[in-house]
Amino acid sequence: MDELKEKALEYHSRDGVPGKVSVVPTKPCVTADDLSLAYTPGVAKPVLEIADRPADAYKYTSKGNLVAVISNGTAILGLGDRGALASKPVMEGKGVLFKRFADIDVFDIELNEKDPKKIIEIVKAMEPTFGGVNLEDIKAPECFEIEQTLIKECSIPIMHDDQHGTAIICTAGIINAAEVVGKPLSELKCVFNGAGAAGVSCAKMFIAAGVKKENLLMCDSKGVIYKGRPGLNAEKEELAVATEARTLADALVGADVFVGLSVADVLTGDMVKTMSPQPIIFAMANPNPEILPETALAANPNVIMATGRSDYPNQINNVLGFPFIFRGALDVKASAITEGMKMAAAKALAALAKEPVPDIVAKAYGGEKFSFGPRYIVPKPFDPRVIEWEAVAVAKAACDEGIAAEPITDWDAYRDRLKKRMEKYWN
């Protein structure tokens, strides 16, 4: 048994308590009087209040701080379709991260169902339970239909994190990497390898941030996605451009940016040498990236490198996104998570990376110091300031767009509440 496997399995089963999450009551239940209030007859009182005023569910139940993490296990991490049951460790893990980084409670729900229409029906039926829904590890193209339909038909925030979480952190990274190399986003020539859920969403968000569509080439397992290529689905067709390039190697000649959301070792050192003099490489296949940083840097020492891994600089990690996005959305009772809210999150992360980094962050990373530059283009997850920067930006965007049922007006007070809420996790 390899060392990581042994440590991971011991972690998930230690102390005779399998798994990573449990349910803990928030009110006392130690006396007969407590019992009469928690359940019958007292519980009938909030039932009647909610029946008369549905919004009171946020006042008398946990709905407003409860997110469903839902998967059918068809695209688990980089492991593919391993089934709903096998997805449970990941979904429990998401619950841990929601709680640890944003104090949000989670029920993980694994659906033994692949029909997108049935998944939509199931999730819609559960809407009364939750303040928001985080869809996870559902394969493309079904994930697009599931998410978009649920957004239209539900009145709570819905987000497929595999698509948008990666896109938000990537966009923060490209905003700052472009600044480091001294090029505006509009001049960057970008090549994407991987046109699944995350790849498509990242490409669209890059374009929304300022990358020109004609400067962006998408590749999948069959090569470049070009206009007129037969057999393209709607998402790929939308991103197809007129080009003579047919292979990844063709596409990379003169490119400023490589974004990989695909498979290990697809990018070679020779390909890196054909890119611009200071290329930006986001190699995010997990656990093994499209190119190892040491290989990329050997080909060109000027590379700005990011991966999905924690053992290299510039980790593009979804934990910088989903807990704080849902925190901001829940706190204003937003009816959706919009493109504007996602871009606000990305820009907040990009801005935070330029701020002086407190000692608590260095302590979490073995004493390593961080400052804005090629090896630090996105904040670290263990930076306690992320919640006040990102959740506030998301909540503000929701209020500005008019989708907040309870808009915030005193933003300084909201920041203080967030800091106070999270003190127990940082002290």
Protein backbone atom coordinates (compact mmCIF):
# COMPACT_ATOMS: atom_id res chain seq x y z
CA MET A 1 0.00 0.00 0.00
CA ASP A 2 1.45 3.39 -0.98
CA GLU A 3 1.94 6.01 1.74
CA LEU A 4 -0.79 8.40 0.58
CA LYS A 5 -3.35 5.60 0.31
CA GLU A 6 -2.50 4.34 3.80
CA LYS A 7 -2.75 7.83 5.33
CA ALA A 8 -5.98 8.68 3.47
CA LEU A 9 -7.75 5.46 4.42
CA GLU A 10 -6.66 5.81 8.05
CA TYR A 11 -7.93 9.43 8.06
CA HIS A 12 -11.34 8.38 6.77
CA SER A 13 -11.77 5.57 9.32
CA ARG A 14 -9.89 6.65 12.43
CA ASP A 15 -11.27 6.54 15.98
CA GLY A 16 -13.90 4.00 14.98
CA VAL A 17 -16.00 6.76 13.38
CA PRO A 18 -16.27 6.19 9.62
CA GLY A 19 -16.47 9.22 7.33
CA LYS A 20 -15.89 12.93 7.85
CA VAL A 21 -19.22 14.52 8.82
CA SER A 22 -21.98 14.25 11.42
CA VAL A 23 -25.15 16.11 12.40
CA VAL A 24 -24.98 18.18 15.58
CA PRO A 25 -28.05 19.84 17.15
CA THR A 26 -27.94 23.60 17.66
CA LYS A 27 -30.53 23.74 20.46
CA PRO A 28 -30.49 21.96 23.84
CA CYS A 29 -32.47 18.77 24.34
CA VAL A 30 -31.67 17.69 27.89
CA THR A 31 -34.98 18.23 29.73
CA ALA A 32 -38.60 17.27 29.20
CA ASP A 33 -39.35 20.93 28.52
CA ASP A 34 -36.65 21.02 25.82
CA LEU A 35 -38.18 17.93 24.24
CA SER A 36 -41.65 19.49 24.20
CA LEU A 37 -40.23 22.50 22.33
CA ALA A 38 -37.95 20.61 19.94
CA TYR A 39 -40.69 18.20 18.95
CA THR A 40 -44.33 17.77 19.81
CA PRO A 41 -46.26 19.80 20.85
CA GLY A 42 -44.06 22.89 20.51
CA VAL A 43 -42.85 22.19 16.99
CA ALA A 44 -46.38 22.73 15.67
CA LYS A 45 -46.04 26.45 16.30
CA PRO A 46 -43.28 27.15 13.72
CA VAL A 47 -45.04 24.74 11.35
CA LEU A 48 -48.11 26.98 11.33
CA GLU A 49 -46.00 30.15 11.02
CA ILE A 50 -44.19 28.76 7.97
CA ALA A 51 -47.44 27.51 6.42
CA ASP A 52 -48.76 31.09 6.61
CA ARG A 53 -45.48 32.82 5.68
CA PRO A 54 -43.04 30.53 3.77
CA ALA A 55 -40.19 33.02 4.23
CA ASP A 56 -40.31 32.25 7.96
CA ALA A 57 -38.58 28.93 7.15
CA TYR A 58 -35.39 30.99 7.18
CA LYS A 59 -36.29 32.25 10.66
CA TYR A 60 -37.30 28.98 12.33
CA THR A 61 -35.30 26.25 10.51
CA SER A 62 -31.75 25.62 9.30
CA LYS A 63 -32.73 26.14 5.64
CA GLY A 64 -30.86 29.45 5.32
CA ASN A 65 -27.49 27.93 6.24
CA LEU A 66 -27.94 24.50 4.67
CA VAL A 67 -26.54 23.51 1.27
CA ALA A 68 -27.11 20.23 -0.58
CA VAL A 69 -24.01 18.76 -2.21
CA ILE A 70 -25.42 16.49 -4.89
CA SER A 71 -23.69 14.04 -7.24
CA ASN A 72 -24.40 10.96 -9.30
CA GLY A 73 -20.72 9.99 -9.40
CA THR A 74 -20.34 10.11 -13.17
CA ALA A 75 -17.24 12.35 -13.14
CA ILE A 76 -15.50 11.92 -9.78
CA LEU A 77 -12.39 14.10 -9.62
CA GLY A 78 -10.10 12.71 -12.34
CA LEU A 79 -11.35 9.17 -11.75
CA GLY A 80 -14.32 9.14 -14.13
CA ASP A 81 -17.64 7.35 -13.60
CA ARG A 82 -17.26 5.31 -10.41
CA GLY A 83 -20.91 5.44 -9.39
CA ALA A 84 -22.95 7.35 -6.84
CA LEU A 85 -21.79 5.40 -3.78
CA ALA A 86 -18.10 5.89 -4.60
CA SER A 87 -18.67 9.65 -4.82
CA LYS A 88 -19.67 9.87 -1.15
CA PRO A 89 -16.13 10.49 0.24
CA VAL A 90 -15.79 13.48 -2.08
CA MET A 91 -19.21 14.85 -1.21
CA GLU A 92 -18.50 14.47 2.51
CA GLY A 93 -15.23 16.28 1.85
CA LYS A 94 -17.11 19.16 0.28
CA GLY A 95 -19.20 19.31 3.44
CA VAL A 96 -16.06 19.59 5.56
CA LEU A 97 -14.77 22.46 3.42
CA PHE A 98 -18.10 24.32 3.42
CA LYS A 99 -18.14 24.16 7.22
CA ARG A 100 -14.46 24.87 7.84
CA PHE A 101 -14.10 27.82 5.49
CA ALA A 102 -17.57 29.42 5.56
CA ASP A 103 -19.49 27.86 8.50
CA ILE A 104 -22.13 26.44 6.13
CA ASP A 105 -23.88 23.17 6.97
CA VAL A 106 -24.19 20.47 4.31
CA PHE A 107 -26.19 17.36 3.57
CA ASP A 108 -24.37 15.27 0.97
CA ILE A 109 -26.76 13.46 -1.37
CA GLU A 110 -25.59 10.76 -3.76
CA LEU A 111 -28.13 9.96 -6.48
CA ASN A 112 -28.13 6.55 -8.13
CA GLU A 113 -29.49 8.09 -11.33
CA LYS A 114 -28.01 9.10 -14.70
CA ASP A 115 -31.06 10.43 -16.51
CA PRO A 116 -30.71 14.24 -16.40
CA LYS A 117 -34.46 14.79 -16.44
CA LYS A 118 -34.93 12.55 -13.42
CA ILE A 119 -32.07 14.26 -11.58
CA ILE A 120 -33.71 17.62 -12.25
CA GLU A 121 -37.02 16.30 -10.93
CA ILE A 122 -35.39 14.92 -7.77
CA VAL A 123 -33.44 18.09 -6.96
CA LYS A 124 -36.47 20.32 -7.59
CA ALA A 125 -38.50 18.19 -5.18
CA MET A 126 -35.89 18.81 -2.45
CA GLU A 127 -35.84 22.60 -2.84
CA PRO A 128 -37.85 23.26 0.36
CA THR A 129 -35.07 21.66 2.44
CA PHE A 130 -32.13 23.76 1.34
CA GLY A 131 -30.87 27.32 1.04
CA GLY A 132 -28.72 26.34 -1.94
CA VAL A 133 -27.53 23.41 -4.07
CA ASN A 134 -23.93 22.58 -5.01
CA LEU A 135 -23.96 20.10 -7.90
CA GLU A 136 -20.75 18.09 -8.10
CA ASP A 137 -18.96 15.49 -10.22
CA ILE A 138 -21.72 15.13 -12.84
CA LYS A 139 -20.32 14.50 -16.30
CA ALA A 140 -20.69 16.67 -19.38
CA PRO A 141 -22.79 17.30 -21.36
CA GLU A 142 -25.58 16.22 -18.98
CA CYS A 143 -24.34 18.62 -16.30
CA PHE A 144 -25.10 21.63 -18.52
CA GLU A 145 -28.76 20.67 -18.96
CA ILE A 146 -29.16 19.79 -15.28
CA GLU A 147 -27.69 23.02 -13.96
CA GLN A 148 -29.33 25.38 -16.44
CA THR A 149 -32.78 23.84 -16.00
CA LEU A 150 -32.54 23.93 -12.20
CA ILE A 151 -31.42 27.57 -12.26
CA LYS A 152 -34.49 28.46 -14.30
CA GLU A 153 -36.94 26.42 -12.26
CA CYS A 154 -35.70 26.89 -8.68
CA SER A 155 -35.66 30.00 -6.52
CA ILE A 156 -32.51 29.16 -4.52
CA PRO A 157 -28.85 29.41 -5.58
CA ILE A 158 -27.74 26.47 -7.77
CA MET A 159 -24.14 25.97 -8.94
CA HIS A 160 -22.30 23.09 -10.57
CA ASP A 161 -18.95 23.60 -8.90
CA ASP A 162 -16.93 21.53 -11.38
CA GLN A 163 -17.80 24.11 -14.00
CA HIS A 164 -17.86 27.40 -12.19
CA GLY A 165 -15.60 26.88 -9.19
CA THR A 166 -12.64 26.07 -11.40
CA ALA A 167 -13.56 28.89 -13.77
CA ILE A 168 -13.71 31.48 -10.99
CA ILE A 169 -10.30 30.60 -9.54
CA CYS A 170 -8.77 30.29 -13.03
CA THR A 171 -10.11 33.70 -13.99
CA ALA A 172 -8.64 35.26 -10.85
CA GLY A 173 -5.34 33.61 -11.78
CA ILE A 174 -5.34 34.76 -15.40
CA ILE A 175 -6.17 38.35 -14.41
CA ASN A 176 -3.07 38.42 -12.21
CA ALA A 177 -0.82 36.34 -14.47
CA ALA A 178 -1.58 38.72 -17.36
CA GLU A 179 -0.55 41.61 -15.12
CA VAL A 180 2.72 39.86 -14.22
CA VAL A 181 3.64 39.35 -17.89
CA GLY A 182 2.49 42.86 -18.77
CA LYS A 183 -0.20 41.97 -21.31
CA PRO A 184 -3.86 42.99 -21.31
CA LEU A 185 -6.35 40.12 -21.40
CA SER A 186 -7.52 41.28 -24.82
CA GLU A 187 -4.10 40.48 -26.30
CA LEU A 188 -3.64 37.02 -24.79
CA LYS A 189 -3.71 34.04 -27.15
CA CYS A 190 -5.16 31.18 -25.13
CA VAL A 191 -5.27 27.44 -25.79
CA PHE A 192 -7.52 25.14 -23.78
CA ASN A 193 -7.08 21.38 -23.67
CA GLY A 194 -10.20 19.73 -22.33
CA ALA A 195 -13.70 20.72 -23.39
CA GLY A 196 -15.73 19.16 -20.61
CA ALA A 197 -17.74 20.99 -17.97
CA ALA A 198 -14.79 22.83 -16.41
CA GLY A 199 -13.05 23.61 -19.71
CA VAL A 200 -16.11 25.11 -21.33
CA SER A 201 -16.98 27.19 -18.27
CA CYS A 202 -13.39 28.45 -17.90
CA ALA A 203 -13.26 29.47 -21.56
CA LYS A 204 -16.53 31.37 -21.32
CA MET A 205 -15.41 33.17 -18.18
CA PHE A 206 -12.07 34.12 -19.76
CA ILE A 207 -14.02 35.69 -22.61
CA ALA A 208 -16.29 37.51 -20.15
CA ALA A 209 -13.18 38.81 -18.36
CA GLY A 210 -11.71 40.28 -21.55
CA VAL A 211 -10.03 37.55 -23.62
CA LYS A 212 -11.15 37.83 -27.25
CA LYS A 213 -13.08 34.83 -28.52
CA GLU A 214 -11.04 34.78 -31.73
CA ASN A 215 -7.87 34.49 -29.61
CA LEU A 216 -9.08 31.37 -27.80
CA LEU A 217 -8.66 27.85 -29.20
CA MET A 218 -10.33 24.85 -27.57
CA CYS A 219 -9.00 21.30 -27.96
CA ASP A 220 -10.60 18.02 -26.99
CA SER A 221 -9.47 14.41 -27.41
CA LYS A 222 -9.97 14.72 -31.18
CA GLY A 223 -7.90 17.89 -31.56
CA VAL A 224 -8.78 21.54 -32.18
CA ILE A 225 -12.45 22.50 -32.09
CA TYR A 226 -12.74 24.48 -35.31
CA LYS A 227 -15.70 25.90 -37.19
CA GLY A 228 -17.20 23.26 -39.42
CA ARG A 229 -15.86 20.27 -37.46
CA PRO A 230 -18.55 17.61 -37.54
CA GLY A 231 -20.15 16.14 -34.43
CA LEU A 232 -19.78 19.11 -32.07
CA ASN A 233 -22.27 19.51 -29.23
CA ALA A 234 -23.85 22.92 -28.57
CA GLU A 235 -21.27 23.95 -25.95
CA LYS A 236 -18.32 23.13 -28.22
CA GLU A 237 -19.97 24.70 -31.26
CA GLU A 238 -20.32 27.97 -29.36
CA LEU A 239 -16.54 28.09 -28.80
CA ALA A 240 -15.44 26.91 -32.25
CA VAL A 241 -13.36 29.41 -34.28
CA ALA A 242 -12.03 29.57 -37.82
CA THR A 243 -8.44 28.26 -37.71
CA GLU A 244 -6.04 26.11 -39.67
CA ALA A 245 -4.73 24.51 -36.47
CA ARG A 246 -5.81 20.89 -36.03
CA THR A 247 -3.66 19.56 -33.17
CA LEU A 248 -2.70 20.81 -29.73
CA ALA A 249 0.86 21.29 -30.95
CA ASP A 250 -0.42 23.42 -33.87
CA ALA A 251 -2.56 25.53 -31.56
CA LEU A 252 0.25 26.26 -29.10
CA VAL A 253 2.64 27.91 -31.56
CA GLY A 254 2.95 31.51 -30.36
CA ALA A 255 0.31 31.04 -27.64
CA ASP A 256 0.52 33.04 -24.42
CA VAL A 257 -1.61 30.75 -22.29
CA PHE A 258 -2.21 27.02 -21.93
CA VAL A 259 -5.15 25.92 -19.78
CA GLY A 260 -5.36 22.18 -19.17
CA LEU A 261 -8.45 20.48 -17.80
CA SER A 262 -7.77 17.14 -19.38
CA VAL A 263 -5.24 14.34 -18.79
CA ALA A 264 -1.70 13.91 -17.53
CA ASP A 265 1.38 14.55 -19.66
CA VAL A 266 -0.43 15.84 -22.75
CA LEU A 267 1.77 18.97 -22.85
CA THR A 268 5.44 18.42 -23.64
CA GLY A 269 8.50 20.56 -23.06
CA ASP A 270 8.93 20.89 -26.82
CA MET A 271 5.43 22.36 -27.07
CA VAL A 272 6.22 24.85 -24.30
CA LYS A 273 9.25 26.02 -26.30
CA THR A 274 6.96 27.04 -29.17
CA MET A 275 4.84 29.30 -26.95
CA SER A 276 5.44 33.00 -26.21
CA PRO A 277 8.62 34.09 -24.36
CA GLN A 278 6.86 34.22 -20.95
CA PRO A 279 4.03 31.69 -21.21
CA ILE A 280 1.29 31.14 -18.65
CA ILE A 281 0.52 27.46 -18.02
CA PHE A 282 -2.41 26.29 -15.91
CA ALA A 283 -2.05 22.48 -15.87
CA MET A 284 -4.94 21.33 -13.71
CA ALA A 285 -5.45 17.64 -14.38
CA ASN A 286 -5.46 15.82 -11.03
CA PRO A 287 -3.59 14.17 -9.48
CA ASN A 288 -1.07 14.35 -12.34
CA PRO A 289 -1.06 17.58 -14.38
CA GLU A 290 -0.78 17.99 -18.14
CA ILE A 291 2.87 18.88 -17.54
CA LEU A 292 4.89 18.86 -14.34
CA PRO A 293 6.13 22.30 -13.29
CA GLU A 294 9.76 21.16 -13.33
CA THR A 295 9.37 19.98 -16.93
CA ALA A 296 7.75 23.24 -18.01
CA LEU A 297 10.39 25.35 -16.25
CA ALA A 298 13.18 23.29 -17.79
CA ALA A 299 11.75 24.09 -21.22
CA ASN A 300 11.33 27.80 -20.37
CA PRO A 301 12.46 29.26 -17.01
CA ASN A 302 10.09 32.22 -17.52
CA VAL A 303 6.93 30.12 -17.30
CA ILE A 304 4.22 31.23 -14.86
CA MET A 305 2.96 27.88 -13.67
CA ALA A 306 -0.22 26.82 -11.86
CA THR A 307 -1.62 23.37 -11.13
CA GLY A 308 -4.45 21.82 -9.15
CA ARG A 309 -2.00 20.43 -6.60
CA SER A 310 -1.11 21.77 -3.16
CA ASP A 311 2.57 20.76 -3.40
CA TYR A 312 3.34 23.33 -6.13
CA PRO A 313 2.94 27.13 -6.19
CA ASN A 314 -0.28 28.69 -7.54
CA GLN A 315 -2.76 25.96 -6.70
CA ILE A 316 -6.02 26.52 -8.58
CA ASN A 317 -8.21 25.16 -5.82
CA ASN A 318 -12.02 25.25 -5.85
CA VAL A 319 -12.04 25.69 -2.09
CA LEU A 320 -11.19 29.34 -2.79
CA GLY A 321 -14.59 29.62 -4.45
CA PHE A 322 -17.63 27.62 -3.46
CA PRO A 323 -17.72 28.13 0.35
CA PHE A 324 -17.46 31.91 0.06
CA ILE A 325 -19.75 32.23 -2.97
CA PHE A 326 -22.51 30.35 -1.19
CA ARG A 327 -21.83 32.30 2.03
CA GLY A 328 -22.45 35.60 0.25
CA ALA A 329 -25.46 34.24 -1.63
CA LEU A 330 -27.07 32.76 1.48
CA ASP A 331 -26.51 35.86 3.59
CA VAL A 332 -28.61 38.02 1.28
CA LYS A 333 -31.03 35.19 0.39
CA ALA A 334 -30.13 35.42 -3.28
CA SER A 335 -32.41 33.56 -5.67
CA ALA A 336 -29.52 32.48 -7.91
CA ILE A 337 -25.76 32.60 -8.43
CA THR A 338 -25.33 34.79 -11.49
CA GLU A 339 -22.47 35.39 -13.90
CA GLY A 340 -22.01 38.78 -12.25
CA MET A 341 -21.65 37.18 -8.82
CA LYS A 342 -19.07 34.72 -10.17
CA MET A 343 -17.05 37.49 -11.79
CA ALA A 344 -17.21 39.52 -8.58
CA ALA A 345 -15.74 36.52 -6.76
CA ALA A 346 -12.92 36.17 -9.30
CA LYS A 347 -12.03 39.85 -9.16
CA ALA A 348 -12.09 39.85 -5.35
CA LEU A 349 -9.64 36.94 -5.26
CA ALA A 350 -7.39 38.61 -7.82
CA ALA A 351 -7.35 41.81 -5.77
CA LEU A 352 -6.66 40.01 -2.49
CA ALA A 353 -3.59 38.31 -3.96
CA LYS A 354 -1.97 41.75 -4.32
CA GLU A 355 -2.38 42.59 -0.63
CA PRO A 356 0.36 41.94 1.96
CA VAL A 357 -0.03 38.39 3.27
CA PRO A 358 -0.47 37.99 7.05
CA ASP A 359 1.78 35.73 9.15
CA ILE A 360 -1.07 33.30 9.86
CA VAL A 361 -0.90 32.21 6.21
CA ALA A 362 2.84 31.57 6.35
CA LYS A 363 2.31 29.55 9.53
CA ALA A 364 -0.21 27.31 7.73
CA TYR A 365 2.34 26.67 4.98
CA GLY A 366 5.42 25.76 7.00
CA GLY A 367 6.69 29.31 7.37
CA GLU A 368 6.80 30.07 3.63
CA LYS A 369 6.31 33.76 2.85
CA PHE A 370 4.11 34.87 -0.06
CA SER A 371 3.94 38.04 -2.11
CA PHE A 372 2.34 38.91 -5.44
CA GLY A 373 4.33 37.66 -8.42
CA PRO A 374 4.92 34.62 -10.67
CA ARG A 375 4.73 32.14 -7.76
CA TYR A 376 1.73 33.77 -6.06
CA ILE A 377 -1.13 34.85 -8.33
CA VAL A 378 -4.08 33.60 -6.25
CA PRO A 379 -4.61 33.69 -2.46
CA LYS A 380 -4.13 30.65 -0.27
CA PRO A 381 -7.21 28.85 1.12
CA PHE A 382 -5.88 29.26 4.66
CA ASP A 383 -5.98 33.04 4.38
CA PRO A 384 -8.71 34.13 6.83
CA ARG A 385 -9.36 37.29 4.80
CA VAL A 386 -10.79 35.39 1.82
CA ILE A 387 -14.28 35.18 3.30
CA GLU A 388 -14.57 38.89 3.96
CA TRP A 389 -13.28 39.82 0.49
CA GLU A 390 -15.11 37.23 -1.56
CA ALA A 391 -18.39 36.74 0.30
CA VAL A 392 -18.84 40.50 0.50
CA ALA A 393 -18.16 40.89 -3.24
CA VAL A 394 -20.68 38.15 -4.07
CA ALA A 395 -23.34 39.54 -1.73
CA LYS A 396 -22.83 43.04 -3.16
CA ALA A 397 -23.23 41.76 -6.71
CA ALA A 398 -26.47 39.98 -5.75
CA CYS A 399 -27.81 43.17 -4.19
CA ASP A 400 -26.77 45.27 -7.19
CA GLU A 401 -28.53 42.84 -9.55
CA GLY A 402 -31.75 42.95 -7.52
CA ILE A 403 -31.89 39.23 -6.72
CA ALA A 404 -31.33 39.54 -2.95
CA ALA A 405 -34.43 39.00 -0.81
CA GLU A 406 -32.62 40.61 2.15
CA PRO A 407 -30.16 43.20 0.78
CA ILE A 408 -27.32 44.35 3.01
CA THR A 409 -26.73 48.08 3.44
CA ASP A 410 -24.04 48.22 6.15
CA TRP A 411 -21.11 46.41 4.55
CA ASP A 412 -18.65 47.17 7.34
CA ALA A 413 -21.00 45.53 9.82
CA TYR A 414 -21.36 42.52 7.50
CA ARG A 415 -17.57 42.13 7.30
CA ASP A 416 -17.39 42.25 11.08
CA ARG A 417 -20.09 39.56 11.36
CA LEU A 418 -18.18 37.32 8.97
CA LYS A 419 -14.94 37.74 10.91
CA LYS A 420 -16.69 37.03 14.20
CA ARG A 421 -18.47 34.01 12.73
CA MET A 422 -15.15 32.49 11.61
CA GLU A 423 -13.08 33.27 14.72
CA LYS A 424 -13.57 29.77 16.15
CA TYR A 425 -11.96 28.25 13.05
CA TRP A 426 -8.88 30.46 13.07
CA ASN A 427 -8.09 30.72 16.80
